[in-house]
Protein backbone atom coordinates (compact mmCIF):
# COMPACT_ATOMS: atom_id res chain seq x y z
CA MET A 1 134.61 136.00 21.08
CA GLU A 2 132.85 139.04 19.78
CA ALA A 3 132.24 137.19 16.54
CA VAL A 4 130.72 133.91 18.70
CA ALA A 5 128.71 136.29 20.58
CA ARG A 6 127.03 137.67 16.95
CA VAL A 7 126.03 134.33 15.64
CA PRO A 8 122.66 133.23 17.15
CA GLY A 9 123.17 129.80 19.05
CA ASP A 10 120.15 127.89 16.97
CA ALA A 11 122.25 128.47 14.00
CA PHE A 12 123.94 125.12 14.67
CA VAL A 13 121.31 122.81 15.19
CA PRO A 14 118.66 121.23 13.29
CA ASP A 15 115.25 123.05 12.68
CA LYS A 16 113.22 120.64 14.58
CA LEU A 17 115.54 121.17 17.63
CA LYS A 18 115.62 124.79 17.60
CA PRO A 19 112.84 125.16 20.31
CA TRP A 20 115.53 123.85 22.85
CA ALA A 21 118.78 125.87 21.42
CA TYR A 22 119.04 127.81 24.25
CA GLU A 23 118.20 125.33 26.97
CA ASN A 24 120.96 123.68 28.97
CA ILE A 25 121.02 120.53 27.68
CA PRO A 26 123.43 118.78 25.06
CA LEU A 27 121.32 118.53 21.71
CA PRO A 28 122.31 115.93 18.93
CA ILE A 29 123.95 117.42 15.81
CA GLY A 30 124.78 114.23 13.88
CA ASN A 31 127.46 111.65 13.60
CA ASP A 32 127.07 111.01 17.14
CA GLN A 33 128.19 114.58 18.43
CA THR A 34 125.85 116.83 20.67
CA ILE A 35 126.24 120.70 21.07
CA SER A 36 125.45 122.44 24.71
């Protein structure tokens, strides 16, 4: 869990969605999948 805490959450979302990376909403990441 410590390693997960070190990685910024916006590292896993497309650049155009980075402003919403820390909101409590699902964001599309491709292949009909989301990250939340």
